[in-house]
Amino acid sequence: MNELENKVVEILKTIYDPEIPVDIYELGLIYEVKIDQENNVEIEMTLTSPNCPVAESLPKEVEDKVSDYSAFKSAKVNIVFDPPWDKDMMSEEAQLELGFL
């Protein structure tokens, strides 16, 4: 990862799923981060379920926090459900924190 991708990950690690005390990056909700030549950020992410109560607010929070960083021109989140999220996508750290290990 380059420096700007690392910065996106750092920002994502400050955003938490309100129902699970783990950040969205460690939860495995982030599938891909792309940064183009003009520093527009595109993030492909999922939610823990299609009926997630924060389905509208969480992607907006991600876009707002990433685009607030001065090096980025814009941020766009694409929500996908393929592959569907499951607990095996969480980092080992997240699984340990939630008692799955």
N, C-alpha and C. Protein backbone atom coordinates (compact mmCIF):
# COMPACT_ATOMS: atom_id res chain seq x y z
N MET A 1 0.84 -1.19 0.00
CA MET A 1 0.00 0.00 0.00
C MET A 1 0.87 1.24 0.00
N ASN A 2 0.42 2.25 -0.71
CA ASN A 2 1.17 3.50 -0.70
C ASN A 2 0.71 4.38 0.47
N GLU A 3 1.33 5.52 0.60
CA GLU A 3 1.06 6.41 1.74
C GLU A 3 -0.40 6.86 1.80
N LEU A 4 -0.99 7.21 0.65
CA LEU A 4 -2.39 7.66 0.65
C LEU A 4 -3.35 6.53 0.98
N GLU A 5 -3.07 5.32 0.48
CA GLU A 5 -3.92 4.18 0.83
C GLU A 5 -3.84 3.91 2.33
N ASN A 6 -2.64 4.02 2.89
CA ASN A 6 -2.47 3.85 4.34
C ASN A 6 -3.28 4.88 5.11
N LYS A 7 -3.34 6.10 4.58
CA LYS A 7 -4.11 7.17 5.25
C LYS A 7 -5.60 6.83 5.21
N VAL A 8 -6.09 6.31 4.08
CA VAL A 8 -7.49 5.90 4.00
C VAL A 8 -7.77 4.83 5.05
N VAL A 9 -6.91 3.83 5.15
CA VAL A 9 -7.10 2.76 6.14
C VAL A 9 -7.10 3.34 7.55
N GLU A 10 -6.19 4.27 7.81
CA GLU A 10 -6.13 4.92 9.12
C GLU A 10 -7.46 5.61 9.44
N ILE A 11 -8.03 6.29 8.45
CA ILE A 11 -9.32 6.97 8.65
C ILE A 11 -10.42 5.93 8.87
N LEU A 12 -10.42 4.87 8.07
CA LEU A 12 -11.46 3.84 8.19
C LEU A 12 -11.43 3.19 9.57
N LYS A 13 -10.26 3.11 10.16
CA LYS A 13 -10.14 2.49 11.49
C LYS A 13 -10.69 3.38 12.60
N THR A 14 -11.16 4.61 12.26
CA THR A 14 -11.79 5.47 13.25
C THR A 14 -13.32 5.39 13.17
N ILE A 15 -13.83 4.58 12.25
CA ILE A 15 -15.27 4.47 12.03
C ILE A 15 -15.74 3.12 12.53
N TYR A 16 -16.72 3.14 13.40
CA TYR A 16 -17.18 1.91 14.05
C TYR A 16 -18.60 1.56 13.66
N ASP A 17 -18.85 0.27 13.52
CA ASP A 17 -20.22 -0.21 13.37
C ASP A 17 -20.88 0.04 14.72
N PRO A 18 -22.02 0.72 14.75
CA PRO A 18 -22.62 1.07 16.05
C PRO A 18 -23.09 -0.13 16.87
N GLU A 19 -23.27 -1.27 16.25
CA GLU A 19 -23.75 -2.44 16.99
C GLU A 19 -22.62 -3.36 17.44
N ILE A 20 -21.42 -3.17 16.87
CA ILE A 20 -20.28 -4.03 17.17
C ILE A 20 -19.11 -3.12 17.52
N PRO A 21 -18.47 -3.32 18.66
CA PRO A 21 -17.41 -2.39 19.10
C PRO A 21 -16.07 -2.61 18.39
N VAL A 22 -16.12 -2.71 17.06
CA VAL A 22 -14.92 -2.92 16.26
C VAL A 22 -15.03 -2.00 15.04
N ASP A 23 -13.89 -1.45 14.61
CA ASP A 23 -13.93 -0.54 13.46
C ASP A 23 -14.26 -1.32 12.17
N ILE A 24 -14.76 -0.59 11.17
CA ILE A 24 -15.25 -1.23 9.95
C ILE A 24 -14.14 -1.90 9.14
N TYR A 25 -12.90 -1.42 9.28
CA TYR A 25 -11.79 -2.04 8.56
C TYR A 25 -11.47 -3.41 9.16
N GLU A 26 -11.33 -3.46 10.47
CA GLU A 26 -11.02 -4.73 11.14
C GLU A 26 -12.19 -5.72 11.05
N LEU A 27 -13.41 -5.18 10.91
CA LEU A 27 -14.59 -6.05 10.73
C LEU A 27 -14.59 -6.74 9.38
N GLY A 28 -13.79 -6.25 8.44
CA GLY A 28 -13.75 -6.83 7.11
C GLY A 28 -14.81 -6.28 6.19
N LEU A 29 -15.36 -5.11 6.53
CA LEU A 29 -16.40 -4.52 5.68
C LEU A 29 -15.83 -3.80 4.46
N ILE A 30 -14.53 -3.53 4.46
CA ILE A 30 -13.90 -2.84 3.34
C ILE A 30 -13.30 -3.88 2.40
N TYR A 31 -13.79 -3.88 1.16
CA TYR A 31 -13.31 -4.84 0.17
C TYR A 31 -12.19 -4.27 -0.69
N GLU A 32 -12.28 -2.98 -1.02
CA GLU A 32 -11.27 -2.40 -1.90
C GLU A 32 -11.21 -0.89 -1.73
N VAL A 33 -10.00 -0.35 -1.84
CA VAL A 33 -9.77 1.10 -1.82
C VAL A 33 -8.99 1.43 -3.08
N LYS A 34 -9.53 2.36 -3.88
CA LYS A 34 -8.84 2.80 -5.10
C LYS A 34 -8.68 4.32 -5.05
N ILE A 35 -7.50 4.78 -5.44
CA ILE A 35 -7.23 6.21 -5.49
C ILE A 35 -6.72 6.52 -6.89
N ASP A 36 -7.42 7.42 -7.58
CA ASP A 36 -7.00 7.75 -8.95
C ASP A 36 -5.92 8.83 -8.95
N GLN A 37 -5.50 9.23 -10.15
CA GLN A 37 -4.40 10.20 -10.30
C GLN A 37 -4.72 11.57 -9.70
N GLU A 38 -6.02 11.91 -9.61
CA GLU A 38 -6.41 13.20 -9.05
C GLU A 38 -6.74 13.11 -7.56
N ASN A 39 -6.45 11.97 -6.93
CA ASN A 39 -6.71 11.72 -5.51
C ASN A 39 -8.19 11.67 -5.16
N ASN A 40 -8.98 11.16 -6.09
CA ASN A 40 -10.36 10.80 -5.79
C ASN A 40 -10.32 9.38 -5.24
N VAL A 41 -11.01 9.15 -4.15
CA VAL A 41 -10.99 7.85 -3.50
C VAL A 41 -12.30 7.13 -3.76
N GLU A 42 -12.19 5.86 -4.15
CA GLU A 42 -13.37 5.02 -4.33
C GLU A 42 -13.21 3.81 -3.42
N ILE A 43 -14.22 3.58 -2.60
CA ILE A 43 -14.17 2.50 -1.61
C ILE A 43 -15.31 1.54 -1.89
N GLU A 44 -14.96 0.27 -2.01
CA GLU A 44 -15.97 -0.77 -2.15
C GLU A 44 -16.10 -1.42 -0.78
N MET A 45 -17.32 -1.38 -0.25
CA MET A 45 -17.53 -1.94 1.08
C MET A 45 -18.86 -2.67 1.14
N THR A 46 -19.03 -3.42 2.19
CA THR A 46 -20.28 -4.12 2.42
C THR A 46 -20.79 -3.74 3.81
N LEU A 47 -21.91 -4.29 4.17
CA LEU A 47 -22.48 -4.12 5.50
C LEU A 47 -22.64 -5.49 6.12
N THR A 48 -22.80 -5.54 7.42
CA THR A 48 -22.93 -6.85 8.07
C THR A 48 -24.17 -7.59 7.61
N SER A 49 -25.18 -6.86 7.15
CA SER A 49 -26.37 -7.48 6.56
C SER A 49 -27.06 -6.46 5.67
N PRO A 50 -27.82 -6.93 4.67
CA PRO A 50 -28.53 -5.98 3.80
C PRO A 50 -29.54 -5.12 4.56
N ASN A 51 -30.00 -5.60 5.71
CA ASN A 51 -30.97 -4.86 6.52
C ASN A 51 -30.31 -4.06 7.62
N CYS A 52 -29.03 -3.83 7.50
CA CYS A 52 -28.27 -3.10 8.52
C CYS A 52 -28.93 -1.75 8.80
N PRO A 53 -29.16 -1.43 10.09
CA PRO A 53 -29.83 -0.17 10.42
C PRO A 53 -29.05 1.09 10.03
N VAL A 54 -27.75 0.95 9.76
CA VAL A 54 -26.96 2.12 9.37
C VAL A 54 -26.62 2.10 7.88
N ALA A 55 -27.43 1.41 7.10
CA ALA A 55 -27.16 1.26 5.67
C ALA A 55 -27.06 2.59 4.94
N GLU A 56 -27.75 3.60 5.42
CA GLU A 56 -27.66 4.91 4.78
C GLU A 56 -26.62 5.80 5.42
N SER A 57 -26.52 5.77 6.74
CA SER A 57 -25.62 6.70 7.42
C SER A 57 -24.15 6.26 7.41
N LEU A 58 -23.86 4.98 7.47
CA LEU A 58 -22.47 4.53 7.54
C LEU A 58 -21.68 4.85 6.27
N PRO A 59 -22.20 4.54 5.07
CA PRO A 59 -21.45 4.92 3.87
C PRO A 59 -21.21 6.42 3.77
N LYS A 60 -22.18 7.22 4.17
CA LYS A 60 -22.02 8.68 4.15
C LYS A 60 -20.93 9.11 5.13
N GLU A 61 -20.90 8.49 6.30
CA GLU A 61 -19.85 8.80 7.28
C GLU A 61 -18.48 8.48 6.71
N VAL A 62 -18.36 7.35 6.02
CA VAL A 62 -17.09 6.97 5.40
C VAL A 62 -16.70 8.01 4.35
N GLU A 63 -17.62 8.36 3.47
CA GLU A 63 -17.33 9.36 2.43
C GLU A 63 -16.91 10.69 3.05
N ASP A 64 -17.65 11.13 4.06
CA ASP A 64 -17.36 12.43 4.69
C ASP A 64 -16.00 12.44 5.35
N LYS A 65 -15.69 11.41 6.12
CA LYS A 65 -14.42 11.40 6.85
C LYS A 65 -13.23 11.29 5.91
N VAL A 66 -13.35 10.47 4.86
CA VAL A 66 -12.23 10.34 3.92
C VAL A 66 -12.07 11.63 3.12
N SER A 67 -13.16 12.19 2.63
CA SER A 67 -13.05 13.39 1.80
C SER A 67 -12.63 14.62 2.61
N ASP A 68 -12.80 14.59 3.93
CA ASP A 68 -12.35 15.70 4.79
C ASP A 68 -10.83 15.80 4.87
N TYR A 69 -10.14 14.69 4.57
CA TYR A 69 -8.68 14.72 4.61
C TYR A 69 -8.18 15.56 3.44
N SER A 70 -7.32 16.51 3.70
CA SER A 70 -6.94 17.52 2.71
C SER A 70 -6.31 16.97 1.44
N ALA A 71 -5.66 15.83 1.51
CA ALA A 71 -5.00 15.28 0.31
C ALA A 71 -5.99 14.69 -0.69
N PHE A 72 -7.22 14.42 -0.25
CA PHE A 72 -8.18 13.78 -1.13
C PHE A 72 -9.15 14.79 -1.72
N LYS A 73 -9.39 14.65 -3.01
CA LYS A 73 -10.31 15.54 -3.70
C LYS A 73 -11.76 15.16 -3.41
N SER A 74 -12.04 13.85 -3.42
CA SER A 74 -13.40 13.37 -3.14
C SER A 74 -13.34 11.93 -2.67
N ALA A 75 -14.46 11.45 -2.16
CA ALA A 75 -14.56 10.05 -1.75
C ALA A 75 -15.95 9.54 -2.12
N LYS A 76 -15.98 8.33 -2.65
CA LYS A 76 -17.24 7.70 -3.02
C LYS A 76 -17.24 6.27 -2.50
N VAL A 77 -18.35 5.88 -1.90
CA VAL A 77 -18.50 4.52 -1.39
C VAL A 77 -19.50 3.77 -2.26
N ASN A 78 -19.10 2.59 -2.68
CA ASN A 78 -20.00 1.68 -3.39
C ASN A 78 -20.31 0.52 -2.45
N ILE A 79 -21.58 0.33 -2.15
CA ILE A 79 -22.00 -0.79 -1.29
C ILE A 79 -22.24 -2.01 -2.16
N VAL A 80 -21.64 -3.12 -1.78
CA VAL A 80 -21.83 -4.38 -2.48
C VAL A 80 -22.18 -5.47 -1.47
N PHE A 81 -22.87 -6.48 -1.93
CA PHE A 81 -23.21 -7.61 -1.06
C PHE A 81 -22.70 -8.93 -1.63
N ASP A 82 -21.78 -8.84 -2.57
CA ASP A 82 -21.19 -10.04 -3.15
C ASP A 82 -19.68 -9.87 -3.13
N PRO A 83 -18.97 -10.62 -2.34
CA PRO A 83 -19.47 -11.71 -1.51
C PRO A 83 -20.15 -11.18 -0.24
N PRO A 84 -21.12 -11.93 0.26
CA PRO A 84 -21.77 -11.50 1.50
C PRO A 84 -20.78 -11.56 2.66
N TRP A 85 -20.93 -10.60 3.58
CA TRP A 85 -20.04 -10.55 4.74
C TRP A 85 -20.36 -11.69 5.70
N ASP A 86 -19.32 -12.25 6.31
CA ASP A 86 -19.51 -13.16 7.44
C ASP A 86 -18.34 -12.96 8.40
N LYS A 87 -18.45 -13.53 9.58
CA LYS A 87 -17.47 -13.24 10.64
C LYS A 87 -16.06 -13.69 10.29
N ASP A 88 -15.92 -14.59 9.33
CA ASP A 88 -14.58 -15.02 8.92
C ASP A 88 -13.80 -13.92 8.19
N MET A 89 -14.48 -12.86 7.78
CA MET A 89 -13.82 -11.75 7.11
C MET A 89 -13.17 -10.78 8.09
N MET A 90 -13.48 -10.94 9.36
CA MET A 90 -12.89 -10.07 10.39
C MET A 90 -11.42 -10.41 10.56
N SER A 91 -10.65 -9.40 10.94
CA SER A 91 -9.24 -9.64 11.25
C SER A 91 -9.17 -10.52 12.50
N GLU A 92 -8.02 -11.12 12.68
CA GLU A 92 -7.82 -11.95 13.87
C GLU A 92 -7.99 -11.11 15.14
N GLU A 93 -7.52 -9.87 15.08
CA GLU A 93 -7.65 -8.94 16.20
C GLU A 93 -9.12 -8.71 16.56
N ALA A 94 -9.96 -8.51 15.54
CA ALA A 94 -11.39 -8.28 15.77
C ALA A 94 -12.06 -9.54 16.32
N GLN A 95 -11.70 -10.69 15.76
CA GLN A 95 -12.29 -11.94 16.25
C GLN A 95 -11.91 -12.19 17.70
N LEU A 96 -10.68 -11.88 18.05
CA LEU A 96 -10.23 -12.04 19.44
C LEU A 96 -10.99 -11.09 20.36
N GLU A 97 -11.14 -9.83 19.93
CA GLU A 97 -11.83 -8.82 20.74
C GLU A 97 -13.29 -9.22 20.98
N LEU A 98 -13.91 -9.85 20.00
CA LEU A 98 -15.32 -10.21 20.12
C LEU A 98 -15.52 -11.63 20.68
N GLY A 99 -14.42 -12.30 21.01
CA GLY A 99 -14.53 -13.61 21.64
C GLY A 99 -14.77 -14.77 20.70
N PHE A 100 -14.43 -14.59 19.40
CA PHE A 100 -14.61 -15.66 18.42
C PHE A 100 -13.39 -16.58 18.36
N LEU A 101 -12.28 -16.18 18.99
CA LEU A 101 -11.06 -17.01 19.01
C LEU A 101 -10.77 -17.47 20.41
